[in-house]
Amino acid sequence: MPAKEQAAQHLIEIRDIGKDYQVGANTVSAIRHMHFQVDDGEFISIMGQSGSGKSTLLAVLGGLNHPSRGQVLVDSLDVYGLSSEQRADFRSEYIGIIFQSFQLIPYLTVLENIKLPMAITGISAKEQDGMARSVLEKVGLGAKAPRLPDQLSGGEQERVAIARAIVNRPPILLADEPTGSLDSETAEGVMGLLRQLNQEGLTVIMVTHNPDACRHADRTILVRDGLCLPQ
């Protein structure tokens, strides 16, 4: 991975990014202009309605969607200045992602799903198994290791998705609507788990349309029509 640009001022710097898509003869801007920073150890919520650009922003932050303009710096690394191979290494080292629809593999057990991110790490099978079981205990599902995803409740599937996202011990966790499909009591439990992980040192960036979820964050960035609103 290339040398870092400079001494890190912030863990994450979003510098004047925009993201456009071509739809027929028209250009649609999912992100018109966004500029902000996130410090190490913060819990940030990004709140906006459907179509506001928040999920696109999360994909850009995670190195999954190249912006049309601007820069994303993580620990002073210019994420989109990296080659595709280097960016894959960056994601493996720095980023855990909780997807909105869980994206668990239905024919793999809970334990096997959690071990997926370690497939390219070179960690021994025995150590992978130990790390996966340890993180499963952390999210309160140690007894569910041999189950298949469809044998779990929605809240349990969310916890498996969280365990999979943190098993490689990344410093940054990105969560896309982590409580979107959960009832209020289950959602509160999931948010409590995210807050606990944050208090243990994980930097958490969560996108949501739910003001209740934002109560758990240190601060909230409001987005509308592809713009960050003034704080």
C-alpha atoms as a PDB file:
ATOM      1  CA  MET A   1       0.000   0.000   0.000  1.00  0.00           C
ATOM      2  CA  PRO A   2       1.402   3.460  -0.881  1.00  0.00           C
ATOM      3  CA  ALA A   3       2.845   5.796   1.709  1.00  0.00           C
ATOM      4  CA  LYS A   4       0.415   8.076   3.465  1.00  0.00           C
ATOM      5  CA  GLU A   5       0.056  11.638   2.209  1.00  0.00           C
ATOM      6  CA  GLN A   6       0.709  13.356   5.529  1.00  0.00           C
ATOM      7  CA  ALA A   7       0.349  13.022   9.273  1.00  0.00           C
ATOM      8  CA  ALA A   8      -3.300  12.245   9.970  1.00  0.00           C
ATOM      9  CA  GLN A   9      -5.370  15.186  11.206  1.00  0.00           C
ATOM     10  CA  HIS A  10      -8.589  13.178  11.225  1.00  0.00           C
ATOM     11  CA  LEU A  11      -9.180   9.459  10.834  1.00  0.00           C
ATOM     12  CA  ILE A  12     -11.503  10.135   7.868  1.00  0.00           C
ATOM     13  CA  GLU A  13     -11.652  13.212   5.652  1.00  0.00           C
ATOM     14  CA  ILE A  14     -14.356  13.611   3.019  1.00  0.00           C
ATOM     15  CA  ARG A  15     -13.117  16.363   0.734  1.00  0.00           C
ATOM     16  CA  ASP A  16     -15.653  17.937  -1.611  1.00  0.00           C
ATOM     17  CA  ILE A  17     -16.962  14.659  -3.003  1.00  0.00           C
ATOM     18  CA  GLY A  18     -19.704  14.245  -5.578  1.00  0.00           C
ATOM     19  CA  LYS A  19     -21.168  11.192  -7.302  1.00  0.00           C
ATOM     20  CA  ASP A  20     -23.017  11.356 -10.630  1.00  0.00           C
ATOM     21  CA  TYR A  21     -24.786   8.664 -12.615  1.00  0.00           C
ATOM     22  CA  GLN A  22     -25.708   8.764 -16.285  1.00  0.00           C
ATOM     23  CA  VAL A  23     -29.365   7.825 -16.822  1.00  0.00           C
ATOM     24  CA  GLY A  24     -29.986   7.862 -20.543  1.00  0.00           C
ATOM     25  CA  ALA A  25     -29.172  11.382 -21.722  1.00  0.00           C
ATOM     26  CA  ASN A  26     -29.457  12.780 -18.204  1.00  0.00           C
ATOM     27  CA  THR A  27     -26.888  13.145 -15.430  1.00  0.00           C
ATOM     28  CA  VAL A  28     -28.260  12.422 -11.956  1.00  0.00           C
ATOM     29  CA  SER A  29     -26.267  13.537  -8.913  1.00  0.00           C
ATOM     30  CA  ALA A  30     -26.658  11.087  -6.008  1.00  0.00           C
ATOM     31  CA  ILE A  31     -24.141  13.231  -4.105  1.00  0.00           C
ATOM     32  CA  ARG A  32     -23.903  16.875  -5.153  1.00  0.00           C
ATOM     33  CA  HIS A  33     -21.359  18.065  -2.599  1.00  0.00           C
ATOM     34  CA  MET A  34     -20.251  16.692   0.755  1.00  0.00           C
ATOM     35  CA  HIS A  35     -17.343  17.724   2.950  1.00  0.00           C
ATOM     36  CA  PHE A  36     -16.753  16.622   6.561  1.00  0.00           C
ATOM     37  CA  GLN A  37     -14.337  14.834   8.913  1.00  0.00           C
ATOM     38  CA  VAL A  38     -14.604  11.968  11.374  1.00  0.00           C
ATOM     39  CA  ASP A  39     -12.175  11.523  14.252  1.00  0.00           C
ATOM     40  CA  ASP A  40     -10.866   8.253  15.641  1.00  0.00           C
ATOM     41  CA  GLY A  41     -13.319   6.716  18.103  1.00  0.00           C
ATOM     42  CA  GLU A  42     -16.360   8.775  17.116  1.00  0.00           C
ATOM     43  CA  PHE A  43     -19.853   7.384  16.620  1.00  0.00           C
ATOM     44  CA  ILE A  44     -21.393   9.329  13.740  1.00  0.00           C
ATOM     45  CA  SER A  45     -24.919   9.020  12.398  1.00  0.00           C
ATOM     46  CA  ILE A  46     -25.729  10.226   8.892  1.00  0.00           C
ATOM     47  CA  MET A  47     -29.455  10.875   8.698  1.00  0.00           C
ATOM     48  CA  GLY A  48     -31.625  11.544   5.679  1.00  0.00           C
ATOM     49  CA  GLN A  49     -34.664  10.305   3.840  1.00  0.00           C
ATOM     50  CA  SER A  50     -34.602   7.740   1.031  1.00  0.00           C
ATOM     51  CA  GLY A  51     -32.854   9.242  -1.989  1.00  0.00           C
ATOM     52  CA  SER A  52     -30.869  11.766   0.035  1.00  0.00           C
ATOM     53  CA  GLY A  53     -27.517  10.217  -0.931  1.00  0.00           C
ATOM     54  CA  LYS A  54     -26.637   8.672   2.421  1.00  0.00           C
ATOM     55  CA  SER A  55     -26.256   5.044   1.244  1.00  0.00           C
ATOM     56  CA  THR A  56     -24.199   6.179  -1.756  1.00  0.00           C
ATOM     57  CA  LEU A  57     -22.019   8.101   0.674  1.00  0.00           C
ATOM     58  CA  LEU A  58     -21.497   4.985   2.793  1.00  0.00           C
ATOM     59  CA  ALA A  59     -20.426   2.991  -0.277  1.00  0.00           C
ATOM     60  CA  VAL A  60     -17.973   5.758  -1.221  1.00  0.00           C
ATOM     61  CA  LEU A  61     -16.603   5.783   2.339  1.00  0.00           C
ATOM     62  CA  GLY A  62     -16.111   2.014   2.205  1.00  0.00           C
ATOM     63  CA  GLY A  63     -14.048   2.098  -0.981  1.00  0.00           C
ATOM     64  CA  LEU A  64     -16.853   0.431  -2.949  1.00  0.00           C
ATOM     65  CA  ASN A  65     -18.066   3.264  -5.198  1.00  0.00           C
ATOM     66  CA  HIS A  66     -15.635   5.645  -6.898  1.00  0.00           C
ATOM     67  CA  PRO A  67     -16.749   9.270  -6.499  1.00  0.00           C
ATOM     68  CA  SER A  68     -17.054  11.440  -9.600  1.00  0.00           C
ATOM     69  CA  ARG A  69     -15.026  14.157  -7.906  1.00  0.00           C
ATOM     70  CA  GLY A  70     -13.311  14.898  -4.613  1.00  0.00           C
ATOM     71  CA  GLN A  71     -11.192  12.795  -2.267  1.00  0.00           C
ATOM     72  CA  VAL A  72     -11.715  10.288   0.523  1.00  0.00           C
ATOM     73  CA  LEU A  73      -8.802  10.095   2.950  1.00  0.00           C
ATOM     74  CA  VAL A  74      -8.680   7.396   5.619  1.00  0.00           C
ATOM     75  CA  ASP A  75      -5.727   7.547   7.995  1.00  0.00           C
ATOM     76  CA  SER A  76      -4.247   9.936   5.376  1.00  0.00           C
ATOM     77  CA  LEU A  77      -4.518   7.330   2.602  1.00  0.00           C
ATOM     78  CA  ASP A  78      -6.177   8.612  -0.571  1.00  0.00           C
ATOM     79  CA  VAL A  79      -8.587   5.693  -0.966  1.00  0.00           C
ATOM     80  CA  TYR A  80      -9.377   6.289  -4.639  1.00  0.00           C
ATOM     81  CA  GLY A  81      -5.753   6.977  -5.461  1.00  0.00           C
ATOM     82  CA  LEU A  82      -5.108   3.278  -4.769  1.00  0.00           C
ATOM     83  CA  SER A  83      -5.245   0.555  -7.394  1.00  0.00           C
ATOM     84  CA  SER A  84      -8.211  -1.818  -7.221  1.00  0.00           C
ATOM     85  CA  GLU A  85      -6.002  -4.467  -5.588  1.00  0.00           C
ATOM     86  CA  GLN A  86      -4.657  -1.987  -3.048  1.00  0.00           C
ATOM     87  CA  ARG A  87      -8.196  -0.793  -2.338  1.00  0.00           C
ATOM     88  CA  ALA A  88      -9.273  -4.395  -1.626  1.00  0.00           C
ATOM     89  CA  ASP A  89      -6.378  -4.658   0.858  1.00  0.00           C
ATOM     90  CA  PHE A  90      -7.443  -1.341   2.382  1.00  0.00           C
ATOM     91  CA  ARG A  91     -11.009  -2.567   2.900  1.00  0.00           C
ATOM     92  CA  SER A  92      -9.775  -5.780   4.495  1.00  0.00           C
ATOM     93  CA  GLU A  93      -7.546  -3.870   6.911  1.00  0.00           C
ATOM     94  CA  TYR A  94      -9.659  -0.824   7.751  1.00  0.00           C
ATOM     95  CA  ILE A  95     -13.359  -1.378   7.050  1.00  0.00           C
ATOM     96  CA  GLY A  96     -16.169  -3.554   8.384  1.00  0.00           C
ATOM     97  CA  ILE A  97     -19.558  -3.137   6.692  1.00  0.00           C
ATOM     98  CA  ILE A  98     -23.028  -4.047   7.949  1.00  0.00           C
ATOM     99  CA  PHE A  99     -25.262  -4.174   4.892  1.00  0.00           C
ATOM    100  CA  GLN A 100     -28.910  -3.136   5.047  1.00  0.00           C
ATOM    101  CA  SER A 101     -30.242  -6.568   4.036  1.00  0.00           C
ATOM    102  CA  PHE A 102     -27.669  -8.495   6.159  1.00  0.00           C
ATOM    103  CA  GLN A 103     -26.368 -10.341   3.030  1.00  0.00           C
ATOM    104  CA  LEU A 104     -25.795 -13.573   4.931  1.00  0.00           C
ATOM    105  CA  ILE A 105     -25.169 -16.649   2.760  1.00  0.00           C
ATOM    106  CA  PRO A 106     -28.265 -18.824   3.339  1.00  0.00           C
ATOM    107  CA  TYR A 107     -26.572 -22.231   2.929  1.00  0.00           C
ATOM    108  CA  LEU A 108     -23.657 -21.421   5.277  1.00  0.00           C
ATOM    109  CA  THR A 109     -23.887 -21.723   9.042  1.00  0.00           C
ATOM    110  CA  VAL A 110     -23.636 -18.705  11.306  1.00  0.00           C
ATOM    111  CA  LEU A 111     -20.006 -19.576  12.068  1.00  0.00           C
ATOM    112  CA  GLU A 112     -19.152 -20.026   8.378  1.00  0.00           C
ATOM    113  CA  ASN A 113     -20.763 -16.689   7.506  1.00  0.00           C
ATOM    114  CA  ILE A 114     -18.688 -14.919  10.132  1.00  0.00           C
ATOM    115  CA  LYS A 115     -15.471 -16.498   8.849  1.00  0.00           C
ATOM    116  CA  LEU A 116     -15.996 -15.265   5.270  1.00  0.00           C
ATOM    117  CA  PRO A 117     -13.997 -12.000   5.614  1.00  0.00           C
ATOM    118  CA  MET A 118     -10.979 -14.006   6.817  1.00  0.00           C
ATOM    119  CA  ALA A 119     -10.837 -16.163   3.671  1.00  0.00           C
ATOM    120  CA  ILE A 120      -8.173 -13.967   2.038  1.00  0.00           C
ATOM    121  CA  THR A 121      -6.193 -13.052   5.155  1.00  0.00           C
ATOM    122  CA  GLY A 122      -3.832 -16.014   5.394  1.00  0.00           C
ATOM    123  CA  ILE A 123      -4.959 -16.695   8.965  1.00  0.00           C
ATOM    124  CA  SER A 124      -4.887 -20.397   9.810  1.00  0.00           C
ATOM    125  CA  ALA A 125      -8.175 -22.314   9.855  1.00  0.00           C
ATOM    126  CA  LYS A 126      -7.823 -22.969  13.586  1.00  0.00           C
ATOM    127  CA  GLU A 127      -7.264 -19.286  14.369  1.00  0.00           C
ATOM    128  CA  GLN A 128     -10.140 -18.277  12.077  1.00  0.00           C
ATOM    129  CA  ASP A 129     -12.433 -20.605  13.980  1.00  0.00           C
ATOM    130  CA  GLY A 130     -11.310 -19.190  17.326  1.00  0.00           C
ATOM    131  CA  MET A 131     -11.718 -15.563  16.207  1.00  0.00           C
ATOM    132  CA  ALA A 132     -15.187 -16.265  14.792  1.00  0.00           C
ATOM    133  CA  ARG A 133     -16.366 -18.009  17.948  1.00  0.00           C
ATOM    134  CA  SER A 134     -14.966 -15.213  20.102  1.00  0.00           C
ATOM    135  CA  VAL A 135     -16.793 -12.488  18.180  1.00  0.00           C
ATOM    136  CA  LEU A 136     -19.973 -14.587  18.184  1.00  0.00           C
ATOM    137  CA  GLU A 137     -19.810 -14.651  21.983  1.00  0.00           C
ATOM    138  CA  LYS A 138     -19.299 -10.878  21.989  1.00  0.00           C
ATOM    139  CA  VAL A 139     -22.597 -10.336  20.152  1.00  0.00           C
ATOM    140  CA  GLY A 140     -24.392 -12.795  22.442  1.00  0.00           C
ATOM    141  CA  LEU A 141     -24.915 -15.650  19.986  1.00  0.00           C
ATOM    142  CA  GLY A 142     -22.301 -18.195  21.010  1.00  0.00           C
ATOM    143  CA  ALA A 143     -24.839 -21.029  21.022  1.00  0.00           C
ATOM    144  CA  LYS A 144     -26.057 -20.240  17.496  1.00  0.00           C
ATOM    145  CA  ALA A 145     -22.822 -21.109  15.652  1.00  0.00           C
ATOM    146  CA  PRO A 146     -24.221 -24.212  13.832  1.00  0.00           C
ATOM    147  CA  ARG A 147     -27.532 -22.597  12.830  1.00  0.00           C
ATOM    148  CA  LEU A 148     -28.416 -21.443   9.315  1.00  0.00           C
ATOM    149  CA  PRO A 149     -29.483 -17.798   8.843  1.00  0.00           C
ATOM    150  CA  ASP A 150     -33.149 -18.659   8.254  1.00  0.00           C
ATOM    151  CA  GLN A 151     -33.232 -20.331  11.671  1.00  0.00           C
ATOM    152  CA  LEU A 152     -32.547 -16.961  13.342  1.00  0.00           C
ATOM    153  CA  SER A 153     -34.736 -13.981  14.141  1.00  0.00           C
ATOM    154  CA  GLY A 154     -34.170 -10.661  12.375  1.00  0.00           C
ATOM    155  CA  GLY A 155     -32.340  -9.261  15.378  1.00  0.00           C
ATOM    156  CA  GLU A 156     -30.095 -12.331  15.562  1.00  0.00           C
ATOM    157  CA  GLN A 157     -29.305 -12.059  11.847  1.00  0.00           C
ATOM    158  CA  GLU A 158     -28.336  -8.420  12.425  1.00  0.00           C
ATOM    159  CA  ARG A 159     -25.986  -9.479  15.220  1.00  0.00           C
ATOM    160  CA  VAL A 160     -24.394 -12.097  12.937  1.00  0.00           C
ATOM    161  CA  ALA A 161     -23.892  -9.371  10.326  1.00  0.00           C
ATOM    162  CA  ILE A 162     -22.216  -7.212  12.986  1.00  0.00           C
ATOM    163  CA  ALA A 163     -20.006 -10.118  14.079  1.00  0.00           C
ATOM    164  CA  ARG A 164     -18.939 -10.740  10.480  1.00  0.00           C
ATOM    165  CA  ALA A 165     -18.142  -7.040  10.015  1.00  0.00           C
ATOM    166  CA  ILE A 166     -15.866  -6.873  13.081  1.00  0.00           C
ATOM    167  CA  VAL A 167     -14.206 -10.307  12.995  1.00  0.00           C
ATOM    168  CA  ASN A 168     -11.075  -8.920  11.267  1.00  0.00           C
ATOM    169  CA  ARG A 169     -10.865  -6.214  13.958  1.00  0.00           C
ATOM    170  CA  PRO A 170     -11.103  -3.242  11.592  1.00  0.00           C
ATOM    171  CA  PRO A 171     -10.853   0.246  13.118  1.00  0.00           C
ATOM    172  CA  ILE A 172     -13.932   1.506  11.202  1.00  0.00           C
ATOM    173  CA  LEU A 173     -17.444   0.049  11.131  1.00  0.00           C
ATOM    174  CA  LEU A 174     -19.945   1.255   8.515  1.00  0.00           C
ATOM    175  CA  ALA A 175     -23.589   0.411   9.179  1.00  0.00           C
ATOM    176  CA  ASP A 176     -26.325   0.861   6.576  1.00  0.00           C
ATOM    177  CA  GLU A 177     -29.742   1.196   8.296  1.00  0.00           C
ATOM    178  CA  PRO A 178     -28.834  -1.391  10.974  1.00  0.00           C
ATOM    179  CA  THR A 179     -32.267  -1.158  12.624  1.00  0.00           C
ATOM    180  CA  GLY A 180     -34.355  -0.580   9.505  1.00  0.00           C
ATOM    181  CA  SER A 181     -36.178  -3.940   9.554  1.00  0.00           C
ATOM    182  CA  LEU A 182     -36.311  -4.471  13.335  1.00  0.00           C
ATOM    183  CA  ASP A 183     -38.982  -3.808  15.931  1.00  0.00           C
ATOM    184  CA  SER A 184     -38.224  -1.061  18.445  1.00  0.00           C
ATOM    185  CA  GLU A 185     -37.118  -3.342  21.289  1.00  0.00           C
ATOM    186  CA  THR A 186     -34.786  -5.401  19.077  1.00  0.00           C
ATOM    187  CA  ALA A 187     -33.479  -2.214  17.446  1.00  0.00           C
ATOM    188  CA  GLU A 188     -32.602  -0.792  20.851  1.00  0.00           C
ATOM    189  CA  GLY A 189     -30.573  -3.912  21.635  1.00  0.00           C
ATOM    190  CA  VAL A 190     -28.660  -3.668  18.362  1.00  0.00           C
ATOM    191  CA  MET A 191     -27.947   0.023  18.932  1.00  0.00           C
ATOM    192  CA  GLY A 192     -26.712  -0.795  22.424  1.00  0.00           C
ATOM    193  CA  LEU A 193     -24.304  -3.325  20.930  1.00  0.00           C
ATOM    194  CA  LEU A 194     -22.992  -0.777  18.409  1.00  0.00           C
ATOM    195  CA  ARG A 195     -22.488   1.731  21.203  1.00  0.00           C
ATOM    196  CA  GLN A 196     -20.628  -0.870  23.263  1.00  0.00           C
ATOM    197  CA  LEU A 197     -18.311  -1.614  20.324  1.00  0.00           C
ATOM    198  CA  ASN A 198     -17.735   2.116  19.910  1.00  0.00           C
ATOM    199  CA  GLN A 199     -16.845   2.477  23.588  1.00  0.00           C
ATOM    200  CA  GLU A 200     -14.289  -0.296  23.089  1.00  0.00           C
ATOM    201  CA  GLY A 201     -12.557   1.878  20.470  1.00  0.00           C
ATOM    202  CA  LEU A 202     -14.328   1.183  17.181  1.00  0.00           C
ATOM    203  CA  THR A 203     -15.159   4.189  14.996  1.00  0.00           C
ATOM    204  CA  VAL A 204     -18.787   3.772  13.892  1.00  0.00           C
ATOM    205  CA  ILE A 205     -20.481   5.528  10.963  1.00  0.00           C
ATOM    206  CA  MET A 206     -24.156   4.695  10.624  1.00  0.00           C
ATOM    207  CA  VAL A 207     -26.641   5.852   8.004  1.00  0.00           C
ATOM    208  CA  THR A 208     -30.274   5.943   9.040  1.00  0.00           C
ATOM    209  CA  HIS A 209     -33.607   7.652   8.458  1.00  0.00           C
ATOM    210  CA  ASN A 210     -34.626   7.028  12.073  1.00  0.00           C
ATOM    211  CA  PRO A 211     -34.109   9.886  14.577  1.00  0.00           C
ATOM    212  CA  ASP A 212     -34.317   7.403  17.472  1.00  0.00           C
ATOM    213  CA  ALA A 213     -31.197   5.617  16.251  1.00  0.00           C
ATOM    214  CA  CYS A 214     -29.304   8.921  16.199  1.00  0.00           C
ATOM    215  CA  ARG A 215     -29.666   9.228  19.984  1.00  0.00           C
ATOM    216  CA  HIS A 216     -26.819   6.741  20.362  1.00  0.00           C
ATOM    217  CA  ALA A 217     -24.375   8.723  18.222  1.00  0.00           C
ATOM    218  CA  ASP A 218     -21.939  11.418  19.321  1.00  0.00           C
ATOM    219  CA  ARG A 219     -23.179  13.672  16.522  1.00  0.00           C
ATOM    220  CA  THR A 220     -25.430  13.537  13.482  1.00  0.00           C
ATOM    221  CA  ILE A 221     -24.730  14.730   9.952  1.00  0.00           C
ATOM    222  CA  LEU A 222     -27.959  15.608   8.139  1.00  0.00           C
ATOM    223  CA  VAL A 223     -28.078  15.027   4.375  1.00  0.00           C
ATOM    224  CA  ARG A 224     -30.699  16.111   1.874  1.00  0.00           C
ATOM    225  CA  ASP A 225     -30.709  16.028  -1.922  1.00  0.00           C
ATOM    226  CA  GLY A 226     -27.049  14.998  -2.036  1.00  0.00           C
ATOM    227  CA  LEU A 227     -25.864  17.771   0.288  1.00  0.00           C
ATOM    228  CA  CYS A 228     -24.689  17.906   3.899  1.00  0.00           C
ATOM    229  CA  LEU A 229     -26.842  20.431   5.726  1.00  0.00           C
ATOM    230  CA  PRO A 230     -25.140  23.031   7.953  1.00  0.00           C
ATOM    231  CA  GLN A 231     -24.437  21.721  11.469  1.00  0.00           C
END
